[in-house]
Amino acid sequence: MFYCFIVRKRVKYLFLDIASHQGCIACADDMSTVASVPCTSRIADHDLIALIEQVLKQAAWSYQDLTHIACVVGPGGFTSLRVAVTFTNVLADQLGIPAAGVHLSDLYGARVPHSQFLWLHSTKKQELFARSFGGGPWPQATHLTFDVFRASVPSAFFWCGELIPEHAEEVKKLGGQEVPPAVLTEILPSFLARLSYNHQLLQPWYGRSF
């Protein structure tokens, strides 16, 4: 009697977030985050490859080991998003592996234990992005002036995200209670496993309507 065993290749993800205030580059499999480095300042083109190779070395992986790539596509600085998305598209094409674009609000959404909250992200002094999780006025990430936000926000709410100090103070006055997100590296494997990957080119998400 002959037995046929199918050996399933273990997934190995490369994750890039160089656009948010608390970004990181990480290698993860389906069980754990194997290696990561924080990215809390602007990353130039020539710096990105060195950081990725540093993370790969920590994980004892090569580029050829990667099976999937995920990249935060927005919101964020114009240059940071362009660098990250362009690199992801080129690397996925060269390796022949699928990629997934990640909206920053979804990443925060996976890190917050509350069923209803607002994701908030400052973009300019008088502007921000807002998204309601679990019901609310902004089911999709929406670009708002702070005056519009102030007039539409519930009287009391939980929030998470990245706000400049002036916005954070104003949100507190409006009844907002900040929720500390879970540690990214702890939720990253399960988050990456839920994404939809394909071979289409990723596009940066800037999200501004005015």
Foldseek 3Di string as FASTA:
>chain_A
DDDDDDDDQWAWEWEWDQFFQWTKTFIDTLPFTQFMDTRRDHDALVRVVVRNVVRCVSSVHDLLSHAEYEYAQDDGDPRRNVSGLVVRLVSCVVNVHWYFYDHVVVLQVLFFPDQWAKEWADDDPQKIWIDIGNDADHPDTAIDGNVVVLVGPDQAGEYEYYDDPVVVVVCVVSHYDYTDTHDSRGCVSVVVVPTDIDNDRDHHPNRDDD
